[in-house]
Structures are given as structure tokens and as C-alpha cells.
Amino acid sequence: MEEKNPWINNDQWAEELDLVKSIISKTELEEMIKWGGPVYTVNKKNVVGIGGFKSYVGIWFFNGVFLKDERKVLMNANEGVTKALRQWRFSSKQEIINNEKYILQYINEAIANEKAGISQKPEKKEAIVSELLEAEFKQDPELVKAFEAFSPYKQREFLEYIETAKQEKTKLTRIEKIKPMILEGIGLNDKYR
């Protein structure tokens, strides 16, 4: 059974996505599948990705913040969270056809920027320490062992979940909630992945 691409909301955009792929194929970008969807790279560095969503087809530029965007078509899809990524949305096949020349210009500029090393480097996140969870670890070596089996990313999710609570009472409640998950090897957000 073929795995469904999570970046394609439904089959309504099949023609549009094929059209965008045919435009991208006119460049030197290499297609790869990352995060379950098509991502186009140069020298193994992400340049653009595509996907179909509920109301649009999107082309996102991983370092789109550095593009000139003379046509003012790029948007930040997740304001306040996304730093460099910018997205160009299309709501019809005709809109893609009408903009093919500009899509290629934007992609070629993104390729040139990537080759020139113009990119946003991810910020190192400050380590999160939970004194309350550390106290639990001292009492339960099995909990420590189970917690350390998680990837650093999943460990951070648990720590953020605890430490974003304002009151100590809430932090303790959250610890009690996640202890069984940790012991069973279930990540905090696994059910959403």
C-alpha cells in the first residue's frame, strides 16, 4: 500500500502539483522526499518544497526571507515561529501557468542564494531544566532510563510541557500525567505524528 503524502491534503491538487513539479524540473534542483513530501535541493541543501493544502497549493522557499520578492507574493506561513521560510500560494492551475516565468525567477534566485551561502542558520535553543522532574528521576531510576531512551527532541517536548506551566501544582500534575507515557516509550506528541 502506497503511503499517503501528509503534505497533500487531498487529491484535488494533483494536476497543480504536477504542473509545479514540471516547472521545478526546468532547474538544476534535485527532488528528495523529506518529512513525507517533495523537497528540492541543491548540493543536498533544501531550497524549495511543495504541497497541496485545503485551499491552496504552496511552494515554500526555505530561505525565502532573503529573496527580493519584487512581486510581493511571498508570505510567512507561521508568523512569529518561522524565521526564514516563505511561501507562495496558488489557488488554481491557471494562476500557476500565468506565473511560471516568475516562479522560475524566484527558484533560480533561491538556488543562487543557497550556492552563495545566504541562509538563516537555526538558533541553538537554550537547555531546559526541570528541577521537579529531576527530583522524580532521583526517586525512580526506571523513569530516568526510559526518559534517556527518547531523542533529545522528544525529551525537550516533555521538558517544555512541564516548564511552561506557571504554577508548581500544575507542573507536578503534568509530571504525573507524563510519567506513564515515558515509561511506555510514548512521546508527548506521538499521537499527532
Protein backbone atom coordinates (compact mmCIF):
# COMPACT_ATOMS: atom_id res chain seq x y z
CA MET A 1 0.00 0.00 0.00
CA GLU A 2 1.39 3.39 -1.02
CA GLU A 3 1.93 5.79 1.86
CA LYS A 4 -0.09 8.97 1.52
CA ASN A 5 1.89 12.18 1.41
CA PRO A 6 0.92 14.20 4.51
CA TRP A 7 1.64 17.44 2.64
CA ILE A 8 -1.15 16.71 0.19
CA ASN A 9 -4.42 17.46 1.95
CA ASN A 10 -6.47 15.65 -0.64
CA ASP A 11 -6.37 14.71 -4.31
CA GLN A 12 -7.88 17.98 -5.51
CA TRP A 13 -4.44 19.43 -6.35
CA ALA A 14 -2.87 16.56 -8.32
CA GLU A 15 -2.73 18.47 -11.64
CA GLU A 16 -1.47 21.64 -10.00
CA LEU A 17 1.28 19.78 -8.13
CA ASP A 18 2.34 18.01 -11.34
CA LEU A 19 2.49 21.40 -13.06
CA VAL A 20 4.64 22.88 -10.27
CA LYS A 21 6.91 19.81 -10.43
CA SER A 22 7.29 20.26 -14.20
CA ILE A 23 8.33 23.90 -13.63
CA ILE A 24 10.85 22.92 -10.96
CA SER A 25 12.24 20.22 -13.28
CA LYS A 26 13.48 23.05 -15.56
CA THR A 27 16.02 23.92 -12.87
CA GLU A 28 19.02 22.04 -11.51
CA LEU A 29 17.21 21.13 -8.29
CA GLU A 30 17.12 17.51 -7.21
CA GLU A 31 13.89 16.06 -5.80
CA MET A 32 14.01 14.28 -2.46
CA ILE A 33 11.33 13.14 -0.07
CA LYS A 34 11.70 14.73 3.35
CA TRP A 35 9.11 14.89 6.11
CA GLY A 36 6.88 12.83 3.85
CA GLY A 37 6.79 15.31 0.97
CA PRO A 38 8.77 16.53 -2.04
CA VAL A 39 11.66 18.85 -1.23
CA TYR A 40 14.04 20.17 -3.86
CA THR A 41 17.70 20.57 -3.07
CA VAL A 42 20.97 21.81 -4.46
CA ASN A 43 24.16 20.30 -3.02
CA LYS A 44 21.90 18.45 -0.55
CA LYS A 45 20.65 21.78 0.89
CA ASN A 46 16.90 22.42 0.97
CA VAL A 47 15.81 25.14 -1.45
CA VAL A 48 12.06 24.65 -2.08
CA GLY A 49 9.26 22.33 -1.10
CA ILE A 50 5.73 21.89 -2.42
CA GLY A 51 2.42 20.66 -1.12
CA GLY A 52 -1.33 20.78 -1.58
CA PHE A 53 -3.45 22.03 1.28
CA LYS A 54 -7.14 22.57 1.86
CA SER A 55 -7.47 25.79 -0.11
CA TYR A 56 -4.19 26.20 -1.98
CA VAL A 57 -1.06 24.68 -3.48
CA GLY A 58 2.07 26.04 -1.87
CA ILE A 59 5.67 26.44 -2.90
CA TRP A 60 7.82 27.27 0.06
CA PHE A 61 11.29 28.68 -0.09
CA PHE A 62 13.37 27.50 2.85
CA ASN A 63 15.36 30.74 2.87
CA GLY A 64 12.69 32.86 1.22
CA VAL A 65 13.30 35.76 3.59
CA PHE A 66 16.40 36.53 1.50
CA LEU A 67 14.54 36.66 -1.83
CA LYS A 68 13.90 40.09 -3.38
CA ASP A 69 10.17 39.30 -3.77
CA GLU A 70 9.62 42.12 -6.25
CA ARG A 71 6.09 40.81 -6.98
CA LYS A 72 5.21 40.80 -3.24
CA VAL A 73 3.83 37.24 -3.39
CA LEU A 74 5.71 35.58 -0.54
CA MET A 75 4.21 35.21 2.90
CA ASN A 76 5.31 33.94 6.27
CA ALA A 77 3.02 30.97 6.82
CA ASN A 78 3.56 30.89 10.58
CA GLU A 79 4.25 34.43 11.81
CA GLY A 80 6.39 34.59 14.93
CA VAL A 81 7.57 30.99 14.54
CA THR A 82 9.01 30.74 11.04
CA LYS A 83 12.16 32.79 10.63
CA ALA A 84 13.42 32.32 7.06
CA LEU A 85 10.79 30.18 5.30
CA ARG A 86 8.43 31.98 2.93
CA GLN A 87 5.53 30.55 0.96
CA TRP A 88 3.89 31.36 -2.36
CA ARG A 89 0.30 30.15 -2.56
CA PHE A 90 -1.76 29.35 -5.63
CA SER A 91 -5.49 28.65 -5.75
CA SER A 92 -5.76 27.45 -9.37
CA LYS A 93 -3.87 25.78 -12.19
CA GLN A 94 -4.27 28.92 -14.31
CA GLU A 95 -2.63 31.03 -11.63
CA ILE A 96 0.41 28.72 -11.74
CA ILE A 97 0.51 28.83 -15.56
CA ASN A 98 0.28 32.65 -15.55
CA ASN A 99 3.19 32.91 -13.09
CA GLU A 100 5.53 30.22 -14.49
CA LYS A 101 8.15 32.75 -15.60
CA TYR A 102 8.17 34.37 -12.14
CA ILE A 103 8.16 31.05 -10.30
CA LEU A 104 11.32 30.12 -12.21
CA GLN A 105 12.89 33.50 -11.40
CA TYR A 106 12.20 33.05 -7.69
CA ILE A 107 13.50 29.47 -7.70
CA ASN A 108 16.65 30.44 -9.60
CA GLU A 109 17.29 33.30 -7.16
CA ALA A 110 16.81 30.84 -4.26
CA ILE A 111 19.31 28.45 -5.88
CA ALA A 112 21.84 31.28 -6.33
CA ASN A 113 21.37 32.35 -2.70
CA GLU A 114 21.91 28.79 -1.48
CA LYS A 115 25.07 28.42 -3.55
CA ALA A 116 26.31 31.76 -2.16
CA GLY A 117 25.69 30.52 1.37
CA ILE A 118 22.94 33.04 2.07
CA SER A 119 20.79 31.28 4.61
CA GLN A 120 19.28 31.53 8.06
CA LYS A 121 21.14 29.32 10.49
CA PRO A 122 18.95 27.65 13.12
CA GLU A 123 19.31 29.18 16.55
CA LYS A 124 20.61 26.95 19.30
CA LYS A 125 17.88 26.53 21.86
CA GLU A 126 18.70 27.06 25.50
CA ALA A 127 18.64 23.90 27.57
CA ILE A 128 15.55 23.39 29.68
CA VAL A 129 15.96 22.12 33.22
CA SER A 130 13.06 20.89 35.31
CA GLU A 131 14.04 20.64 38.95
CA LEU A 132 10.77 18.86 39.71
CA LEU A 133 11.39 16.21 37.05
CA GLU A 134 14.98 15.84 38.27
CA ALA A 135 13.57 15.10 41.75
CA GLU A 136 11.36 12.39 40.22
CA PHE A 137 14.41 10.93 38.47
CA LYS A 138 16.26 10.61 41.79
CA GLN A 139 13.38 8.54 43.16
CA ASP A 140 12.83 6.36 40.07
CA PRO A 141 15.84 5.01 38.10
CA GLU A 142 13.50 3.27 35.61
CA LEU A 143 12.00 6.67 34.74
CA VAL A 144 15.48 8.06 34.06
CA LYS A 145 16.36 5.10 31.84
CA ALA A 146 13.08 5.40 29.89
CA PHE A 147 13.49 9.19 29.52
CA GLU A 148 17.05 8.86 28.22
CA ALA A 149 15.83 6.42 25.55
CA PHE A 150 13.97 9.31 23.86
CA SER A 151 15.63 11.52 21.26
CA PRO A 152 16.77 14.95 22.51
CA TYR A 153 13.87 16.48 20.57
CA LYS A 154 11.28 14.36 22.39
CA GLN A 155 12.99 14.95 25.73
CA ARG A 156 12.73 18.69 25.07
CA GLU A 157 8.99 18.35 24.32
CA PHE A 158 8.43 16.78 27.74
CA LEU A 159 10.55 19.42 29.47
CA GLU A 160 8.77 22.29 27.69
CA TYR A 161 5.41 20.79 28.58
CA ILE A 162 6.34 20.78 32.26
CA GLU A 163 8.15 24.10 32.42
CA THR A 164 5.57 26.15 30.50
CA ALA A 165 3.18 25.72 33.42
CA LYS A 166 3.18 28.76 35.68
CA GLN A 167 2.29 27.12 38.97
CA GLU A 168 4.25 24.38 40.69
CA LYS A 169 0.99 22.50 41.31
CA THR A 170 0.35 22.37 37.55
CA LYS A 171 3.93 21.27 36.87
CA LEU A 172 3.51 18.39 39.33
CA THR A 173 0.20 17.41 37.71
CA ARG A 174 1.85 17.39 34.30
CA ILE A 175 4.71 15.23 35.58
CA GLU A 176 2.22 12.69 36.94
CA LYS A 177 0.44 12.72 33.57
CA ILE A 178 3.58 12.07 31.52
CA LYS A 179 5.34 9.54 33.76
CA PRO A 180 3.30 6.58 32.38
CA MET A 181 3.94 7.83 28.82
CA ILE A 182 7.68 7.99 29.43
CA LEU A 183 7.75 4.53 30.98
CA GLU A 184 5.82 3.11 27.99
CA GLY A 185 8.12 4.84 25.48
CA ILE A 186 5.36 7.08 24.14
CA GLY A 187 6.44 10.60 23.17
CA LEU A 188 4.38 13.56 24.29
CA ASN A 189 3.12 14.35 20.78
CA ASP A 190 3.39 10.90 19.17
CA LYS A 191 -0.36 10.64 18.65
CA TYR A 192 -0.21 13.71 16.39
CA ARG A 193 2.64 12.43 14.22
